[in-house]
Amino acid sequence: MAEATDTFGILQQNLLDAGCDSKTVNSCMDYAKKGEWNVLPSLLKQHRKILLERLHTDQQQIDCLDFLLYRIKKENSGGI
């Protein structure tokens, strides 16, 4: 765990906690160490977009399961 005053340690831990891959972590760390913090938002927005796409895919799968469970329950209660 990074110390509260360890900016780079905190950044790295947050990137890992956010599920960034090693390429993204390394890129962000390199830019941060060079003082090019202005590059990080675009990298992080790209990762956020990936996470949102994954979330939407997972939500669609949950919706399909919910519908299947509904149909099974309906069939077992005399429906369909």
N, C-alpha and C. Protein backbone atom coordinates (compact mmCIF):
# COMPACT_ATOMS: atom_id res chain seq x y z
N MET A 1 0.85 -1.18 0.00
CA MET A 1 0.00 0.00 0.00
C MET A 1 0.89 1.24 0.00
N ALA A 2 0.55 2.20 -0.82
CA ALA A 2 1.34 3.42 -0.94
C ALA A 2 1.07 4.35 0.24
N GLU A 3 2.11 5.09 0.64
CA GLU A 3 1.95 6.11 1.67
C GLU A 3 1.12 7.25 1.10
N ALA A 4 0.42 7.97 1.96
CA ALA A 4 -0.45 9.05 1.52
C ALA A 4 0.32 10.15 0.79
N THR A 5 1.60 10.28 1.05
CA THR A 5 2.41 11.32 0.39
C THR A 5 3.13 10.79 -0.85
N ASP A 6 2.97 9.53 -1.16
CA ASP A 6 3.64 8.91 -2.31
C ASP A 6 2.74 9.02 -3.54
N THR A 7 2.85 10.14 -4.24
CA THR A 7 1.97 10.43 -5.37
C THR A 7 2.01 9.34 -6.42
N PHE A 8 3.19 8.89 -6.78
CA PHE A 8 3.31 7.87 -7.83
C PHE A 8 2.81 6.51 -7.36
N GLY A 9 3.06 6.20 -6.10
CA GLY A 9 2.54 4.95 -5.55
C GLY A 9 1.02 4.94 -5.51
N ILE A 10 0.44 6.08 -5.13
CA ILE A 10 -1.02 6.20 -5.09
C ILE A 10 -1.59 6.09 -6.50
N LEU A 11 -0.94 6.77 -7.45
CA LEU A 11 -1.40 6.71 -8.84
C LEU A 11 -1.38 5.27 -9.34
N GLN A 12 -0.26 4.60 -9.13
CA GLN A 12 -0.14 3.22 -9.61
C GLN A 12 -1.19 2.32 -8.98
N GLN A 13 -1.41 2.45 -7.68
CA GLN A 13 -2.40 1.61 -7.00
C GLN A 13 -3.81 1.90 -7.52
N ASN A 14 -4.11 3.17 -7.76
CA ASN A 14 -5.43 3.52 -8.30
C ASN A 14 -5.63 2.96 -9.70
N LEU A 15 -4.59 3.01 -10.52
CA LEU A 15 -4.69 2.45 -11.86
C LEU A 15 -4.94 0.94 -11.80
N LEU A 16 -4.25 0.27 -10.91
CA LEU A 16 -4.45 -1.17 -10.75
C LEU A 16 -5.84 -1.47 -10.22
N ASP A 17 -6.28 -0.70 -9.23
CA ASP A 17 -7.62 -0.89 -8.66
C ASP A 17 -8.71 -0.65 -9.70
N ALA A 18 -8.43 0.24 -10.67
CA ALA A 18 -9.40 0.54 -11.72
C ALA A 18 -9.37 -0.51 -12.83
N GLY A 19 -8.50 -1.50 -12.70
CA GLY A 19 -8.46 -2.58 -13.67
C GLY A 19 -7.68 -2.27 -14.93
N CYS A 20 -6.83 -1.26 -14.88
CA CYS A 20 -6.02 -0.93 -16.05
C CYS A 20 -5.02 -2.06 -16.34
N ASP A 21 -4.81 -2.32 -17.62
CA ASP A 21 -3.83 -3.33 -17.98
C ASP A 21 -2.42 -2.76 -17.80
N SER A 22 -1.43 -3.63 -17.88
CA SER A 22 -0.05 -3.21 -17.61
C SER A 22 0.43 -2.14 -18.58
N LYS A 23 -0.02 -2.20 -19.83
CA LYS A 23 0.36 -1.19 -20.81
C LYS A 23 -0.14 0.19 -20.39
N THR A 24 -1.40 0.26 -19.98
CA THR A 24 -1.97 1.53 -19.55
C THR A 24 -1.30 2.04 -18.29
N VAL A 25 -1.08 1.14 -17.33
CA VAL A 25 -0.40 1.53 -16.09
C VAL A 25 0.97 2.09 -16.41
N ASN A 26 1.73 1.37 -17.22
CA ASN A 26 3.09 1.81 -17.54
C ASN A 26 3.09 3.14 -18.28
N SER A 27 2.17 3.31 -19.22
CA SER A 27 2.09 4.57 -19.96
C SER A 27 1.77 5.72 -19.02
N CYS A 28 0.77 5.54 -18.18
CA CYS A 28 0.39 6.59 -17.24
C CYS A 28 1.53 6.93 -16.30
N MET A 29 2.20 5.93 -15.80
CA MET A 29 3.31 6.17 -14.89
C MET A 29 4.44 6.91 -15.59
N ASP A 30 4.74 6.52 -16.81
CA ASP A 30 5.80 7.20 -17.57
C ASP A 30 5.47 8.67 -17.77
N TYR A 31 4.24 8.95 -18.20
CA TYR A 31 3.84 10.35 -18.41
C TYR A 31 3.86 11.13 -17.10
N ALA A 32 3.39 10.53 -16.03
CA ALA A 32 3.36 11.21 -14.73
C ALA A 32 4.78 11.52 -14.26
N LYS A 33 5.67 10.58 -14.40
CA LYS A 33 7.06 10.79 -13.95
C LYS A 33 7.76 11.87 -14.78
N LYS A 34 7.32 12.05 -16.03
CA LYS A 34 7.88 13.11 -16.88
C LYS A 34 7.16 14.45 -16.64
N GLY A 35 6.17 14.43 -15.76
CA GLY A 35 5.42 15.64 -15.46
C GLY A 35 4.37 15.98 -16.51
N GLU A 36 4.07 15.03 -17.37
CA GLU A 36 3.10 15.24 -18.44
C GLU A 36 1.71 14.73 -18.01
N TRP A 37 1.21 15.30 -16.92
CA TRP A 37 -0.06 14.89 -16.34
C TRP A 37 -1.23 15.14 -17.28
N ASN A 38 -1.07 16.09 -18.20
CA ASN A 38 -2.16 16.44 -19.11
C ASN A 38 -2.49 15.33 -20.09
N VAL A 39 -1.61 14.34 -20.24
CA VAL A 39 -1.86 13.22 -21.15
C VAL A 39 -2.74 12.15 -20.48
N LEU A 40 -2.70 12.08 -19.16
CA LEU A 40 -3.41 11.02 -18.44
C LEU A 40 -4.92 11.00 -18.66
N PRO A 41 -5.60 12.14 -18.68
CA PRO A 41 -7.06 12.07 -18.86
C PRO A 41 -7.49 11.32 -20.12
N SER A 42 -6.80 11.52 -21.23
CA SER A 42 -7.21 10.82 -22.46
C SER A 42 -6.98 9.31 -22.33
N LEU A 43 -5.89 8.92 -21.69
CA LEU A 43 -5.63 7.48 -21.47
C LEU A 43 -6.69 6.88 -20.56
N LEU A 44 -7.03 7.61 -19.51
CA LEU A 44 -8.01 7.10 -18.55
C LEU A 44 -9.41 7.07 -19.14
N LYS A 45 -9.74 8.02 -20.00
CA LYS A 45 -11.04 8.01 -20.67
C LYS A 45 -11.16 6.81 -21.60
N GLN A 46 -10.07 6.42 -22.24
CA GLN A 46 -10.09 5.23 -23.09
C GLN A 46 -10.39 3.99 -22.25
N HIS A 47 -9.75 3.89 -21.09
CA HIS A 47 -10.00 2.74 -20.21
C HIS A 47 -11.44 2.77 -19.70
N ARG A 48 -11.93 3.95 -19.37
CA ARG A 48 -13.31 4.08 -18.90
C ARG A 48 -14.29 3.59 -19.96
N LYS A 49 -14.01 3.93 -21.22
CA LYS A 49 -14.87 3.50 -22.31
C LYS A 49 -14.90 1.97 -22.40
N ILE A 50 -13.76 1.34 -22.23
CA ILE A 50 -13.67 -0.12 -22.25
C ILE A 50 -14.50 -0.72 -21.12
N LEU A 51 -14.38 -0.14 -19.92
CA LEU A 51 -15.14 -0.63 -18.78
C LEU A 51 -16.64 -0.49 -19.01
N LEU A 52 -17.06 0.65 -19.58
CA LEU A 52 -18.49 0.86 -19.84
C LEU A 52 -19.02 -0.13 -20.87
N GLU A 53 -18.23 -0.41 -21.90
CA GLU A 53 -18.65 -1.39 -22.90
C GLU A 53 -18.81 -2.77 -22.26
N ARG A 54 -17.88 -3.12 -21.38
CA ARG A 54 -17.96 -4.40 -20.67
C ARG A 54 -19.20 -4.44 -19.78
N LEU A 55 -19.47 -3.33 -19.12
CA LEU A 55 -20.64 -3.23 -18.25
C LEU A 55 -21.93 -3.41 -19.05
N HIS A 56 -21.99 -2.78 -20.20
CA HIS A 56 -23.20 -2.90 -21.03
C HIS A 56 -23.39 -4.34 -21.52
N THR A 57 -22.30 -4.97 -21.89
CA THR A 57 -22.37 -6.37 -22.32
C THR A 57 -22.86 -7.25 -21.17
N ASP A 58 -22.30 -7.04 -19.99
CA ASP A 58 -22.72 -7.81 -18.82
C ASP A 58 -24.19 -7.56 -18.50
N GLN A 59 -24.63 -6.31 -18.63
CA GLN A 59 -26.04 -5.99 -18.35
C GLN A 59 -26.96 -6.69 -19.33
N GLN A 60 -26.57 -6.76 -20.59
CA GLN A 60 -27.39 -7.48 -21.58
C GLN A 60 -27.48 -8.96 -21.23
N GLN A 61 -26.40 -9.54 -20.77
CA GLN A 61 -26.41 -10.95 -20.38
C GLN A 61 -27.30 -11.17 -19.16
N ILE A 62 -27.26 -10.25 -18.21
CA ILE A 62 -28.13 -10.34 -17.04
C ILE A 62 -29.59 -10.23 -17.46
N ASP A 63 -29.88 -9.32 -18.38
CA ASP A 63 -31.25 -9.17 -18.87
C ASP A 63 -31.74 -10.46 -19.53
N CYS A 64 -30.88 -11.11 -20.30
CA CYS A 64 -31.25 -12.38 -20.94
C CYS A 64 -31.54 -13.45 -19.89
N LEU A 65 -30.70 -13.52 -18.87
CA LEU A 65 -30.93 -14.50 -17.79
C LEU A 65 -32.23 -14.20 -17.04
N ASP A 66 -32.47 -12.93 -16.77
CA ASP A 66 -33.71 -12.56 -16.08
C ASP A 66 -34.93 -12.97 -16.90
N PHE A 67 -34.88 -12.76 -18.21
CA PHE A 67 -35.99 -13.15 -19.07
C PHE A 67 -36.17 -14.66 -19.07
N LEU A 68 -35.06 -15.40 -19.15
CA LEU A 68 -35.13 -16.86 -19.11
C LEU A 68 -35.73 -17.34 -17.79
N LEU A 69 -35.31 -16.76 -16.69
CA LEU A 69 -35.86 -17.13 -15.39
C LEU A 69 -37.36 -16.81 -15.32
N TYR A 70 -37.75 -15.69 -15.87
CA TYR A 70 -39.16 -15.32 -15.92
C TYR A 70 -39.96 -16.36 -16.71
N ARG A 71 -39.44 -16.74 -17.89
CA ARG A 71 -40.15 -17.72 -18.73
C ARG A 71 -40.26 -19.07 -18.03
N ILE A 72 -39.19 -19.49 -17.36
CA ILE A 72 -39.21 -20.78 -16.66
C ILE A 72 -40.23 -20.73 -15.53
N LYS A 73 -40.23 -19.64 -14.77
CA LYS A 73 -41.19 -19.51 -13.68
C LYS A 73 -42.62 -19.51 -14.21
N LYS A 74 -42.83 -18.80 -15.30
CA LYS A 74 -44.16 -18.72 -15.90
C LYS A 74 -44.61 -20.10 -16.38
N GLU A 75 -43.70 -20.84 -17.01
CA GLU A 75 -44.03 -22.19 -17.52
C GLU A 75 -44.36 -23.14 -16.37
N ASN A 76 -43.64 -23.04 -15.30
CA ASN A 76 -43.86 -23.94 -14.17
C ASN A 76 -45.10 -23.56 -13.36
N SER A 77 -45.64 -22.36 -13.61
CA SER A 77 -46.85 -21.98 -12.89
C SER A 77 -48.09 -22.10 -13.78
N GLY A 78 -47.95 -22.83 -14.89
CA GLY A 78 -49.10 -23.08 -15.75
C GLY A 78 -49.21 -22.15 -16.94
N GLY A 79 -48.23 -21.34 -17.16
CA GLY A 79 -48.27 -20.40 -18.29
C GLY A 79 -47.69 -21.04 -19.54
N ILE A 80 -47.39 -20.26 -20.51
CA ILE A 80 -46.83 -20.63 -21.83
C ILE A 80 -47.61 -21.72 -22.40
